Amino acid sequence: MNPTVHIVDDDTDFRDGLAWLLDSRGLPTRSWAGGDLFLQAVRGGEVPNACCVVLLDIRMEPLSGLATFEQLKAQHWPWPVLFLTGHGDVSMAVAAVKNGAWDFLEKPFQNNLLVDKVEAARQAAVTLHTASQEKLRFQQALAALSAREREVLDELLQGHYNKNIADHLGIAQRTVEFHRANIFEKLKVQSAVELAHRMGRLIAGASD
């Protein structure tokens, strides 16, 4: 996986120079002349919701980097956003990081430092993408369980043993063991503890 770096900056020379730097290091880039244009492309599907990183200048016209970031957040944008800021805007960039941005870099910056930070953000994006795909596969496997398997699953999540589950559901203990093995295989877990952890993360993610 090779995440694209979206460069959003209203300074043409700076934007082109940044694209050249990252391209020269083998990082795929796409440039945007302003936050409004980038948001329009995101809403219009021109920027697919695929694994990527956004380099966002904090001071832009007509839409500032902070305002652009807020609108991305409102659209549940999941990918890392790295702010580029002048010395006088560092406090705003720090606040943006506390509000969910990945990081910020103060201009003028060293090329290697920028590339290192962008690469770290790209790796974070890949990790996020992988976790998202694993969550999707788990949800699909969960949805594919039979009605009886869901009943056994609910009992397992309450910490009940096979014999208790059999008594509660009015079925043989061997039948419970059979369903339990099927559930573990379908959900790719090795134990009831792992199953509880996976379900807990799924529920926590749904409530965010």
N, C-alpha and C. Protein backbone atom coordinates (compact mmCIF):
# COMPACT_ATOMS: atom_id res chain seq x y z
N MET A 1 0.85 -1.19 0.00
CA MET A 1 0.00 0.00 0.00
C MET A 1 0.88 1.25 0.00
N ASN A 2 0.52 2.23 -0.83
CA ASN A 2 1.34 3.43 -1.00
C ASN A 2 0.44 4.67 -0.91
N PRO A 3 0.11 5.12 0.31
CA PRO A 3 -0.86 6.22 0.48
C PRO A 3 -0.45 7.51 -0.21
N THR A 4 -1.41 8.13 -0.86
CA THR A 4 -1.19 9.43 -1.50
C THR A 4 -1.10 10.54 -0.45
N VAL A 5 -0.23 11.52 -0.72
CA VAL A 5 -0.14 12.70 0.14
C VAL A 5 -0.84 13.86 -0.56
N HIS A 6 -1.93 14.33 0.00
CA HIS A 6 -2.66 15.47 -0.56
C HIS A 6 -2.09 16.77 0.02
N ILE A 7 -1.55 17.60 -0.85
CA ILE A 7 -0.95 18.88 -0.44
C ILE A 7 -1.98 19.98 -0.67
N VAL A 8 -2.41 20.62 0.41
CA VAL A 8 -3.43 21.65 0.32
C VAL A 8 -2.81 22.97 0.77
N ASP A 9 -2.52 23.86 -0.19
CA ASP A 9 -1.83 25.12 0.12
C ASP A 9 -2.16 26.12 -0.99
N ASP A 10 -2.46 27.38 -0.62
CA ASP A 10 -2.83 28.37 -1.63
C ASP A 10 -1.62 29.11 -2.21
N ASP A 11 -0.41 28.76 -1.77
CA ASP A 11 0.83 29.33 -2.32
C ASP A 11 1.34 28.39 -3.40
N THR A 12 1.22 28.80 -4.66
CA THR A 12 1.55 27.93 -5.78
C THR A 12 3.00 27.46 -5.74
N ASP A 13 3.93 28.37 -5.52
CA ASP A 13 5.35 28.02 -5.53
C ASP A 13 5.68 27.03 -4.40
N PHE A 14 5.14 27.31 -3.22
CA PHE A 14 5.39 26.43 -2.08
C PHE A 14 4.78 25.04 -2.32
N ARG A 15 3.56 25.05 -2.83
CA ARG A 15 2.84 23.80 -3.11
C ARG A 15 3.61 22.96 -4.14
N ASP A 16 4.06 23.60 -5.20
CA ASP A 16 4.79 22.87 -6.25
C ASP A 16 6.13 22.35 -5.72
N GLY A 17 6.81 23.17 -4.89
CA GLY A 17 8.08 22.74 -4.33
C GLY A 17 7.92 21.55 -3.40
N LEU A 18 6.85 21.57 -2.63
CA LEU A 18 6.58 20.47 -1.71
C LEU A 18 6.27 19.19 -2.49
N ALA A 19 5.48 19.33 -3.56
CA ALA A 19 5.16 18.18 -4.39
C ALA A 19 6.42 17.59 -5.01
N TRP A 20 7.30 18.48 -5.48
CA TRP A 20 8.56 18.01 -6.09
C TRP A 20 9.40 17.25 -5.07
N LEU A 21 9.49 17.80 -3.84
CA LEU A 21 10.28 17.15 -2.80
C LEU A 21 9.76 15.75 -2.51
N LEU A 22 8.45 15.63 -2.30
CA LEU A 22 7.88 14.33 -1.95
C LEU A 22 7.94 13.37 -3.13
N ASP A 23 7.68 13.88 -4.33
CA ASP A 23 7.79 13.02 -5.52
C ASP A 23 9.20 12.48 -5.67
N SER A 24 10.20 13.32 -5.35
CA SER A 24 11.59 12.89 -5.49
C SER A 24 11.96 11.80 -4.49
N ARG A 25 11.17 11.69 -3.42
CA ARG A 25 11.40 10.63 -2.42
C ARG A 25 10.50 9.42 -2.67
N GLY A 26 9.82 9.43 -3.80
CA GLY A 26 8.98 8.29 -4.15
C GLY A 26 7.61 8.27 -3.51
N LEU A 27 7.16 9.43 -2.98
CA LEU A 27 5.85 9.49 -2.34
C LEU A 27 4.84 10.08 -3.31
N PRO A 28 3.77 9.38 -3.62
CA PRO A 28 2.76 9.90 -4.55
C PRO A 28 2.04 11.10 -3.95
N THR A 29 1.86 12.14 -4.74
CA THR A 29 1.22 13.37 -4.25
C THR A 29 0.09 13.81 -5.17
N ARG A 30 -0.76 14.64 -4.60
CA ARG A 30 -1.78 15.33 -5.38
C ARG A 30 -1.96 16.70 -4.73
N SER A 31 -1.98 17.75 -5.55
CA SER A 31 -1.97 19.11 -5.02
C SER A 31 -3.32 19.80 -5.20
N TRP A 32 -3.63 20.68 -4.21
CA TRP A 32 -4.88 21.42 -4.21
C TRP A 32 -4.58 22.87 -3.83
N ALA A 33 -5.19 23.81 -4.54
CA ALA A 33 -4.89 25.23 -4.35
C ALA A 33 -5.62 25.86 -3.19
N GLY A 34 -6.41 25.09 -2.47
CA GLY A 34 -7.13 25.64 -1.33
C GLY A 34 -7.98 24.60 -0.63
N GLY A 35 -8.31 24.88 0.63
CA GLY A 35 -9.13 23.96 1.38
C GLY A 35 -10.51 23.77 0.80
N ASP A 36 -11.07 24.86 0.25
CA ASP A 36 -12.41 24.77 -0.34
C ASP A 36 -12.42 23.81 -1.53
N LEU A 37 -11.37 23.86 -2.35
CA LEU A 37 -11.28 22.97 -3.51
C LEU A 37 -11.11 21.51 -3.08
N PHE A 38 -10.30 21.31 -2.05
CA PHE A 38 -10.11 19.94 -1.56
C PHE A 38 -11.41 19.38 -1.00
N LEU A 39 -12.12 20.19 -0.22
CA LEU A 39 -13.39 19.73 0.35
C LEU A 39 -14.41 19.42 -0.72
N GLN A 40 -14.47 20.26 -1.76
CA GLN A 40 -15.39 20.01 -2.88
C GLN A 40 -15.07 18.67 -3.53
N ALA A 41 -13.77 18.40 -3.69
CA ALA A 41 -13.37 17.14 -4.31
C ALA A 41 -13.72 15.94 -3.42
N VAL A 42 -13.56 16.12 -2.12
CA VAL A 42 -13.91 15.04 -1.19
C VAL A 42 -15.40 14.77 -1.25
N ARG A 43 -16.20 15.84 -1.20
CA ARG A 43 -17.67 15.67 -1.22
C ARG A 43 -18.15 15.11 -2.55
N GLY A 44 -17.47 15.49 -3.62
CA GLY A 44 -17.88 15.04 -4.95
C GLY A 44 -17.36 13.67 -5.33
N GLY A 45 -16.58 13.06 -4.44
CA GLY A 45 -16.06 11.73 -4.73
C GLY A 45 -14.80 11.74 -5.58
N GLU A 46 -14.29 12.94 -5.90
CA GLU A 46 -13.06 13.01 -6.69
C GLU A 46 -11.86 12.53 -5.86
N VAL A 47 -11.95 12.73 -4.54
CA VAL A 47 -10.96 12.17 -3.62
C VAL A 47 -11.62 10.99 -2.93
N PRO A 48 -11.30 9.77 -3.34
CA PRO A 48 -11.94 8.62 -2.71
C PRO A 48 -11.52 8.48 -1.26
N ASN A 49 -12.36 7.88 -0.47
CA ASN A 49 -12.05 7.68 0.95
C ASN A 49 -11.10 6.51 1.09
N ALA A 50 -9.91 6.70 0.50
CA ALA A 50 -8.88 5.66 0.51
C ALA A 50 -7.71 6.12 1.36
N CYS A 51 -6.92 5.18 1.80
CA CYS A 51 -5.79 5.43 2.68
C CYS A 51 -4.90 6.54 2.13
N CYS A 52 -4.75 7.63 2.90
CA CYS A 52 -3.98 8.78 2.43
C CYS A 52 -3.57 9.66 3.61
N VAL A 53 -2.83 10.72 3.30
CA VAL A 53 -2.40 11.72 4.27
C VAL A 53 -2.69 13.09 3.69
N VAL A 54 -3.04 14.06 4.55
CA VAL A 54 -3.29 15.43 4.09
C VAL A 54 -2.26 16.37 4.73
N LEU A 55 -1.56 17.12 3.88
CA LEU A 55 -0.69 18.21 4.33
C LEU A 55 -1.49 19.50 4.16
N LEU A 56 -1.77 20.18 5.25
CA LEU A 56 -2.73 21.28 5.23
C LEU A 56 -2.09 22.55 5.78
N ASP A 57 -1.97 23.58 4.93
CA ASP A 57 -1.43 24.86 5.40
C ASP A 57 -2.46 25.52 6.32
N ILE A 58 -1.98 26.07 7.44
CA ILE A 58 -2.92 26.58 8.43
C ILE A 58 -3.54 27.92 8.00
N ARG A 59 -2.79 28.72 7.22
CA ARG A 59 -3.30 30.01 6.75
C ARG A 59 -3.56 29.96 5.25
N MET A 60 -4.84 29.98 4.88
CA MET A 60 -5.22 29.97 3.47
C MET A 60 -6.44 30.86 3.27
N GLU A 61 -6.63 31.28 2.05
CA GLU A 61 -7.83 32.02 1.66
C GLU A 61 -8.51 31.26 0.52
N PRO A 62 -9.84 31.26 0.44
CA PRO A 62 -10.79 31.91 1.35
C PRO A 62 -11.08 31.08 2.60
N LEU A 63 -10.66 29.82 2.62
CA LEU A 63 -10.97 28.95 3.75
C LEU A 63 -9.67 28.57 4.44
N SER A 64 -9.56 28.86 5.72
CA SER A 64 -8.33 28.56 6.44
C SER A 64 -8.13 27.06 6.61
N GLY A 65 -6.91 26.69 6.97
CA GLY A 65 -6.63 25.29 7.22
C GLY A 65 -7.42 24.73 8.39
N LEU A 66 -7.58 25.55 9.43
CA LEU A 66 -8.35 25.11 10.59
C LEU A 66 -9.81 24.87 10.23
N ALA A 67 -10.38 25.78 9.45
CA ALA A 67 -11.78 25.61 9.02
C ALA A 67 -11.92 24.39 8.12
N THR A 68 -10.93 24.17 7.27
CA THR A 68 -10.94 22.99 6.40
C THR A 68 -10.90 21.72 7.25
N PHE A 69 -10.05 21.72 8.26
CA PHE A 69 -9.92 20.57 9.14
C PHE A 69 -11.23 20.28 9.88
N GLU A 70 -11.89 21.34 10.36
CA GLU A 70 -13.15 21.16 11.06
C GLU A 70 -14.20 20.53 10.15
N GLN A 71 -14.22 20.94 8.90
CA GLN A 71 -15.19 20.38 7.97
C GLN A 71 -14.86 18.93 7.62
N LEU A 72 -13.57 18.62 7.53
CA LEU A 72 -13.17 17.22 7.32
C LEU A 72 -13.62 16.36 8.50
N LYS A 73 -13.42 16.88 9.71
CA LYS A 73 -13.85 16.14 10.90
C LYS A 73 -15.36 15.92 10.89
N ALA A 74 -16.10 16.93 10.47
CA ALA A 74 -17.55 16.82 10.42
C ALA A 74 -18.00 15.74 9.45
N GLN A 75 -17.15 15.47 8.46
CA GLN A 75 -17.45 14.41 7.49
C GLN A 75 -16.82 13.07 7.89
N HIS A 76 -16.33 13.02 9.14
CA HIS A 76 -15.73 11.79 9.69
C HIS A 76 -14.52 11.34 8.88
N TRP A 77 -13.72 12.32 8.45
CA TRP A 77 -12.50 12.02 7.71
C TRP A 77 -11.55 11.24 8.63
N PRO A 78 -11.13 10.02 8.24
CA PRO A 78 -10.37 9.19 9.18
C PRO A 78 -8.85 9.32 9.07
N TRP A 79 -8.35 9.95 8.00
CA TRP A 79 -6.92 9.84 7.70
C TRP A 79 -6.11 10.97 8.33
N PRO A 80 -4.81 10.74 8.57
CA PRO A 80 -3.97 11.73 9.25
C PRO A 80 -3.89 13.07 8.52
N VAL A 81 -3.98 14.14 9.30
CA VAL A 81 -3.84 15.51 8.78
C VAL A 81 -2.64 16.15 9.47
N LEU A 82 -1.68 16.62 8.66
CA LEU A 82 -0.46 17.24 9.16
C LEU A 82 -0.48 18.71 8.78
N PHE A 83 -0.47 19.59 9.78
CA PHE A 83 -0.53 21.02 9.52
C PHE A 83 0.85 21.59 9.23
N LEU A 84 0.89 22.53 8.29
CA LEU A 84 2.08 23.33 8.00
C LEU A 84 1.79 24.74 8.50
N THR A 85 2.69 25.28 9.33
CA THR A 85 2.37 26.53 10.00
C THR A 85 3.57 27.46 10.08
N GLY A 86 3.29 28.74 10.07
CA GLY A 86 4.30 29.74 10.34
C GLY A 86 4.51 29.88 11.84
N HIS A 87 5.57 30.59 12.24
CA HIS A 87 5.93 30.69 13.65
C HIS A 87 4.79 31.26 14.50
N GLY A 88 4.07 32.24 13.97
CA GLY A 88 3.02 32.89 14.75
C GLY A 88 1.78 32.04 14.95
N ASP A 89 1.70 30.92 14.24
CA ASP A 89 0.49 30.09 14.30
C ASP A 89 0.71 28.78 15.04
N VAL A 90 1.85 28.65 15.72
CA VAL A 90 2.16 27.38 16.39
C VAL A 90 1.11 27.03 17.44
N SER A 91 0.62 28.03 18.19
CA SER A 91 -0.37 27.75 19.23
C SER A 91 -1.65 27.18 18.62
N MET A 92 -2.03 27.71 17.45
CA MET A 92 -3.23 27.18 16.77
C MET A 92 -3.00 25.75 16.31
N ALA A 93 -1.78 25.48 15.83
CA ALA A 93 -1.47 24.13 15.37
C ALA A 93 -1.48 23.14 16.53
N VAL A 94 -0.95 23.57 17.67
CA VAL A 94 -0.97 22.71 18.86
C VAL A 94 -2.41 22.39 19.25
N ALA A 95 -3.27 23.41 19.21
CA ALA A 95 -4.69 23.20 19.53
C ALA A 95 -5.33 22.23 18.54
N ALA A 96 -4.94 22.33 17.27
CA ALA A 96 -5.49 21.43 16.25
C ALA A 96 -5.07 19.99 16.51
N VAL A 97 -3.83 19.80 16.94
CA VAL A 97 -3.36 18.44 17.27
C VAL A 97 -4.16 17.88 18.44
N LYS A 98 -4.41 18.72 19.45
CA LYS A 98 -5.22 18.28 20.59
C LYS A 98 -6.65 17.96 20.15
N ASN A 99 -7.05 18.55 19.02
CA ASN A 99 -8.40 18.34 18.51
C ASN A 99 -8.46 17.23 17.47
N GLY A 100 -7.35 16.51 17.32
CA GLY A 100 -7.41 15.33 16.45
C GLY A 100 -6.49 15.34 15.25
N ALA A 101 -5.79 16.45 14.98
CA ALA A 101 -4.83 16.45 13.87
C ALA A 101 -3.66 15.53 14.21
N TRP A 102 -2.97 15.04 13.19
CA TRP A 102 -1.88 14.10 13.41
C TRP A 102 -0.66 14.80 14.02
N ASP A 103 -0.26 15.91 13.42
CA ASP A 103 0.95 16.61 13.87
C ASP A 103 1.00 17.96 13.14
N PHE A 104 2.05 18.74 13.42
CA PHE A 104 2.26 19.96 12.66
C PHE A 104 3.75 20.18 12.47
N LEU A 105 4.09 20.99 11.50
CA LEU A 105 5.47 21.29 11.19
C LEU A 105 5.58 22.78 10.91
N GLU A 106 6.54 23.41 11.57
CA GLU A 106 6.70 24.86 11.45
C GLU A 106 7.60 25.21 10.27
N LYS A 107 7.14 26.18 9.46
CA LYS A 107 7.96 26.69 8.36
C LYS A 107 8.97 27.70 8.90
N PRO A 108 10.16 27.80 8.32
CA PRO A 108 10.71 26.88 7.32
C PRO A 108 11.17 25.58 8.00
N PHE A 109 11.09 24.50 7.31
CA PHE A 109 11.42 23.21 7.90
C PHE A 109 12.55 22.54 7.12
N GLN A 110 13.19 21.59 7.75
CA GLN A 110 14.19 20.78 7.07
C GLN A 110 13.48 19.73 6.23
N ASN A 111 13.97 19.54 5.01
CA ASN A 111 13.32 18.59 4.10
C ASN A 111 13.22 17.20 4.69
N ASN A 112 14.29 16.73 5.30
CA ASN A 112 14.28 15.37 5.84
C ASN A 112 13.29 15.23 6.98
N LEU A 113 13.17 16.28 7.79
CA LEU A 113 12.21 16.24 8.90
C LEU A 113 10.78 16.16 8.36
N LEU A 114 10.49 16.95 7.34
CA LEU A 114 9.16 16.90 6.73
C LEU A 114 8.87 15.51 6.19
N VAL A 115 9.82 14.98 5.42
CA VAL A 115 9.60 13.66 4.81
C VAL A 115 9.41 12.60 5.90
N ASP A 116 10.20 12.69 6.98
CA ASP A 116 10.06 11.72 8.07
C ASP A 116 8.67 11.80 8.70
N LYS A 117 8.17 13.02 8.92
CA LYS A 117 6.85 13.18 9.53
C LYS A 117 5.75 12.69 8.59
N VAL A 118 5.90 12.99 7.31
CA VAL A 118 4.92 12.53 6.33
C VAL A 118 4.92 11.01 6.27
N GLU A 119 6.11 10.42 6.29
CA GLU A 119 6.19 8.96 6.23
C GLU A 119 5.58 8.32 7.46
N ALA A 120 5.79 8.94 8.64
CA ALA A 120 5.17 8.43 9.87
C ALA A 120 3.65 8.50 9.77
N ALA A 121 3.14 9.59 9.21
CA ALA A 121 1.69 9.73 9.02
C ALA A 121 1.17 8.69 8.03
N ARG A 122 1.95 8.44 6.97
CA ARG A 122 1.54 7.42 5.99
C ARG A 122 1.47 6.03 6.63
N GLN A 123 2.43 5.72 7.49
CA GLN A 123 2.41 4.43 8.18
C GLN A 123 1.21 4.35 9.12
N ALA A 124 0.89 5.46 9.77
CA ALA A 124 -0.29 5.49 10.64
C ALA A 124 -1.56 5.26 9.82
N ALA A 125 -1.59 5.84 8.62
CA ALA A 125 -2.75 5.65 7.74
C ALA A 125 -2.89 4.18 7.34
N VAL A 126 -1.77 3.54 7.04
CA VAL A 126 -1.80 2.12 6.67
C VAL A 126 -2.30 1.27 7.84
N THR A 127 -1.80 1.58 9.04
CA THR A 127 -2.24 0.86 10.23
C THR A 127 -3.74 1.03 10.45
N LEU A 128 -4.21 2.26 10.27
CA LEU A 128 -5.64 2.54 10.42
C LEU A 128 -6.46 1.79 9.38
N HIS A 129 -5.95 1.78 8.15
CA HIS A 129 -6.65 1.07 7.07
C HIS A 129 -6.74 -0.42 7.38
N THR A 130 -5.63 -1.00 7.84
CA THR A 130 -5.60 -2.43 8.16
C THR A 130 -6.60 -2.76 9.27
N ALA A 131 -6.60 -1.92 10.31
CA ALA A 131 -7.54 -2.14 11.42
C ALA A 131 -8.98 -2.01 10.95
N SER A 132 -9.23 -1.05 10.05
CA SER A 132 -10.57 -0.84 9.52
C SER A 132 -11.03 -2.05 8.72
N GLN A 133 -10.11 -2.61 7.91
CA GLN A 133 -10.45 -3.79 7.11
C GLN A 133 -10.71 -4.99 8.00
N GLU A 134 -9.91 -5.15 9.06
CA GLU A 134 -10.11 -6.26 9.98
C GLU A 134 -11.46 -6.12 10.70
N LYS A 135 -11.80 -4.89 11.07
CA LYS A 135 -13.08 -4.64 11.73
C LYS A 135 -14.24 -4.99 10.80
N LEU A 136 -14.10 -4.61 9.52
CA LEU A 136 -15.14 -4.90 8.54
C LEU A 136 -15.32 -6.41 8.36
N ARG A 137 -14.19 -7.13 8.27
CA ARG A 137 -14.27 -8.58 8.12
C ARG A 137 -14.94 -9.22 9.34
N PHE A 138 -14.61 -8.69 10.54
CA PHE A 138 -15.21 -9.22 11.76
C PHE A 138 -16.72 -8.96 11.77
N GLN A 139 -17.12 -7.75 11.37
CA GLN A 139 -18.55 -7.42 11.31
C GLN A 139 -19.29 -8.32 10.32
N GLN A 140 -18.68 -8.57 9.17
CA GLN A 140 -19.30 -9.43 8.16
C GLN A 140 -19.44 -10.86 8.68
N ALA A 141 -18.39 -11.35 9.35
CA ALA A 141 -18.45 -12.71 9.91
C ALA A 141 -19.51 -12.79 11.01
N LEU A 142 -19.62 -11.73 11.79
CA LEU A 142 -20.62 -11.68 12.86
C LEU A 142 -22.03 -11.74 12.27
N ALA A 143 -22.23 -10.98 11.19
CA ALA A 143 -23.55 -10.94 10.55
C ALA A 143 -23.91 -12.29 9.92
N ALA A 144 -22.89 -13.10 9.60
CA ALA A 144 -23.13 -14.38 8.92
C ALA A 144 -23.41 -15.52 9.90
N LEU A 145 -23.33 -15.26 11.21
CA LEU A 145 -23.64 -16.30 12.18
C LEU A 145 -25.11 -16.67 12.11
N SER A 146 -25.39 -17.93 12.38
CA SER A 146 -26.79 -18.38 12.41
C SER A 146 -27.46 -17.86 13.68
N ALA A 147 -28.78 -17.97 13.72
CA ALA A 147 -29.53 -17.50 14.88
C ALA A 147 -29.09 -18.25 16.15
N ARG A 148 -28.90 -19.57 16.03
CA ARG A 148 -28.47 -20.35 17.18
C ARG A 148 -27.05 -19.96 17.61
N GLU A 149 -26.18 -19.73 16.63
CA GLU A 149 -24.82 -19.30 16.95
C GLU A 149 -24.82 -17.95 17.67
N ARG A 150 -25.73 -17.06 17.30
CA ARG A 150 -25.82 -15.78 17.98
C ARG A 150 -26.26 -15.97 19.44
N GLU A 151 -27.17 -16.91 19.65
CA GLU A 151 -27.61 -17.20 21.01
C GLU A 151 -26.45 -17.72 21.86
N VAL A 152 -25.68 -18.64 21.28
CA VAL A 152 -24.52 -19.19 21.99
C VAL A 152 -23.49 -18.09 22.23
N LEU A 153 -23.30 -17.24 21.22
CA LEU A 153 -22.37 -16.12 21.35
C LEU A 153 -22.76 -15.22 22.52
N ASP A 154 -24.01 -14.87 22.60
CA ASP A 154 -24.48 -14.01 23.69
C ASP A 154 -24.20 -14.64 25.06
N GLU A 155 -24.40 -15.95 25.15
CA GLU A 155 -24.13 -16.66 26.41
C GLU A 155 -22.63 -16.64 26.73
N LEU A 156 -21.81 -16.86 25.70
CA LEU A 156 -20.36 -16.84 25.90
C LEU A 156 -19.89 -15.48 26.40
N LEU A 157 -20.47 -14.42 25.84
CA LEU A 157 -20.07 -13.07 26.22
C LEU A 157 -20.48 -12.74 27.65
N GLN A 158 -21.45 -13.49 28.19
CA GLN A 158 -21.84 -13.31 29.59
C GLN A 158 -20.98 -14.16 30.53
N GLY A 159 -20.01 -14.88 29.92
CA GLY A 159 -19.09 -15.67 30.73
C GLY A 159 -19.62 -17.02 31.15
N HIS A 160 -20.68 -17.50 30.51
CA HIS A 160 -21.28 -18.78 30.90
C HIS A 160 -20.47 -19.95 30.33
N TYR A 161 -20.43 -21.05 31.07
CA TYR A 161 -19.76 -22.26 30.61
C TYR A 161 -20.68 -23.07 29.71
N ASN A 162 -20.09 -24.01 29.00
CA ASN A 162 -20.85 -24.80 28.02
C ASN A 162 -22.07 -25.47 28.65
N LYS A 163 -21.91 -26.05 29.85
CA LYS A 163 -23.02 -26.75 30.49
C LYS A 163 -24.15 -25.79 30.82
N ASN A 164 -23.80 -24.60 31.33
CA ASN A 164 -24.83 -23.60 31.64
C ASN A 164 -25.55 -23.14 30.38
N ILE A 165 -24.77 -22.95 29.31
CA ILE A 165 -25.37 -22.52 28.04
C ILE A 165 -26.34 -23.57 27.54
N ALA A 166 -25.93 -24.84 27.65
CA ALA A 166 -26.80 -25.93 27.22
C ALA A 166 -28.12 -25.92 28.01
N ASP A 167 -28.02 -25.71 29.31
CA ASP A 167 -29.22 -25.68 30.15
C ASP A 167 -30.10 -24.49 29.78
N HIS A 168 -29.47 -23.33 29.57
CA HIS A 168 -30.24 -22.12 29.26
C HIS A 168 -30.97 -22.24 27.94
N LEU A 169 -30.31 -22.85 26.96
CA LEU A 169 -30.88 -22.92 25.60
C LEU A 169 -31.64 -24.22 25.34
N GLY A 170 -31.58 -25.15 26.31
CA GLY A 170 -32.32 -26.41 26.14
C GLY A 170 -31.75 -27.29 25.04
N ILE A 171 -30.43 -27.29 24.92
CA ILE A 171 -29.76 -28.13 23.92
C ILE A 171 -28.66 -28.92 24.60
N ALA A 172 -28.13 -29.92 23.89
CA ALA A 172 -27.08 -30.76 24.45
C ALA A 172 -25.77 -29.98 24.56
N GLN A 173 -24.95 -30.38 25.54
CA GLN A 173 -23.66 -29.71 25.73
C GLN A 173 -22.76 -29.89 24.52
N ARG A 174 -22.83 -31.08 23.88
CA ARG A 174 -22.02 -31.31 22.68
C ARG A 174 -22.43 -30.38 21.55
N THR A 175 -23.72 -30.06 21.50
CA THR A 175 -24.20 -29.12 20.48
C THR A 175 -23.64 -27.72 20.75
N VAL A 176 -23.60 -27.34 22.02
CA VAL A 176 -23.00 -26.05 22.39
C VAL A 176 -21.53 -26.03 21.96
N GLU A 177 -20.80 -27.12 22.25
CA GLU A 177 -19.39 -27.19 21.89
C GLU A 177 -19.20 -27.07 20.38
N PHE A 178 -20.11 -27.68 19.63
CA PHE A 178 -20.06 -27.61 18.16
C PHE A 178 -20.25 -26.16 17.70
N HIS A 179 -21.27 -25.49 18.25
CA HIS A 179 -21.54 -24.10 17.86
C HIS A 179 -20.38 -23.19 18.29
N ARG A 180 -19.86 -23.45 19.48
CA ARG A 180 -18.75 -22.64 19.98
C ARG A 180 -17.55 -22.73 19.05
N ALA A 181 -17.23 -23.94 18.61
CA ALA A 181 -16.10 -24.14 17.69
C ALA A 181 -16.35 -23.41 16.37
N ASN A 182 -17.60 -23.47 15.88
CA ASN A 182 -17.94 -22.78 14.63
C ASN A 182 -17.81 -21.26 14.78
N ILE A 183 -18.27 -20.76 15.91
CA ILE A 183 -18.19 -19.31 16.16
C ILE A 183 -16.74 -18.86 16.17
N PHE A 184 -15.89 -19.59 16.89
CA PHE A 184 -14.47 -19.23 16.97
C PHE A 184 -13.83 -19.26 15.59
N GLU A 185 -14.17 -20.26 14.80
CA GLU A 185 -13.58 -20.39 13.46
C GLU A 185 -14.04 -19.24 12.56
N LYS A 186 -15.34 -18.95 12.58
CA LYS A 186 -15.88 -17.90 11.70
C LYS A 186 -15.36 -16.52 12.09
N LEU A 187 -15.20 -16.29 13.40
CA LEU A 187 -14.77 -14.97 13.86
C LEU A 187 -13.25 -14.88 14.01
N LYS A 188 -12.55 -15.97 13.71
CA LYS A 188 -11.08 -15.98 13.75
C LYS A 188 -10.54 -15.60 15.13
N VAL A 189 -11.11 -16.21 16.18
CA VAL A 189 -10.61 -15.99 17.53
C VAL A 189 -10.23 -17.35 18.12
N GLN A 190 -9.37 -17.29 19.15
CA GLN A 190 -8.85 -18.52 19.74
C GLN A 190 -9.48 -18.84 21.10
N SER A 191 -10.14 -17.86 21.70
CA SER A 191 -10.68 -18.07 23.04
C SER A 191 -11.86 -17.14 23.29
N ALA A 192 -12.59 -17.44 24.36
CA ALA A 192 -13.72 -16.59 24.73
C ALA A 192 -13.23 -15.21 25.18
N VAL A 193 -12.04 -15.16 25.77
CA VAL A 193 -11.48 -13.88 26.21
C VAL A 193 -11.17 -13.00 24.99
N GLU A 194 -10.54 -13.60 23.97
CA GLU A 194 -10.25 -12.85 22.75
C GLU A 194 -11.55 -12.40 22.09
N LEU A 195 -12.54 -13.27 22.10
CA LEU A 195 -13.84 -12.92 21.52
C LEU A 195 -14.45 -11.72 22.25
N ALA A 196 -14.38 -11.72 23.58
CA ALA A 196 -14.92 -10.61 24.37
C ALA A 196 -14.18 -9.31 24.06
N HIS A 197 -12.86 -9.39 23.90
CA HIS A 197 -12.08 -8.20 23.57
C HIS A 197 -12.46 -7.64 22.20
N ARG A 198 -12.61 -8.54 21.23
CA ARG A 198 -12.97 -8.10 19.87
C ARG A 198 -14.35 -7.45 19.87
N MET A 199 -15.29 -8.06 20.57
CA MET A 199 -16.64 -7.50 20.64
C MET A 199 -16.63 -6.17 21.37
N GLY A 200 -15.81 -6.07 22.43
CA GLY A 200 -15.72 -4.82 23.18
C GLY A 200 -15.20 -3.69 22.32
N ARG A 201 -14.17 -3.97 21.51
CA ARG A 201 -13.63 -2.93 20.61
C ARG A 201 -14.65 -2.52 19.57
N LEU A 202 -15.41 -3.50 19.08
CA LEU A 202 -16.44 -3.21 18.08
C LEU A 202 -17.51 -2.30 18.66
N ILE A 203 -17.95 -2.59 19.86
CA ILE A 203 -18.99 -1.78 20.51
C ILE A 203 -18.45 -0.40 20.82
N ALA A 204 -17.20 -0.33 21.31
CA ALA A 204 -16.60 0.97 21.63
C ALA A 204 -16.47 1.83 20.38
N GLY A 205 -16.08 1.20 19.27
CA GLY A 205 -15.94 1.93 18.01
C GLY A 205 -17.27 2.44 17.51
N ALA A 206 -18.33 1.67 17.72
CA ALA A 206 -19.66 2.07 17.25
C ALA A 206 -20.21 3.25 18.04
N SER A 207 -19.73 3.41 19.29
CA SER A 207 -20.24 4.48 20.13
C SER A 207 -19.45 5.78 19.99
N ASP A 208 -18.30 5.74 19.27
CA ASP A 208 -17.48 6.94 19.09
C ASP A 208 -18.20 7.98 18.24
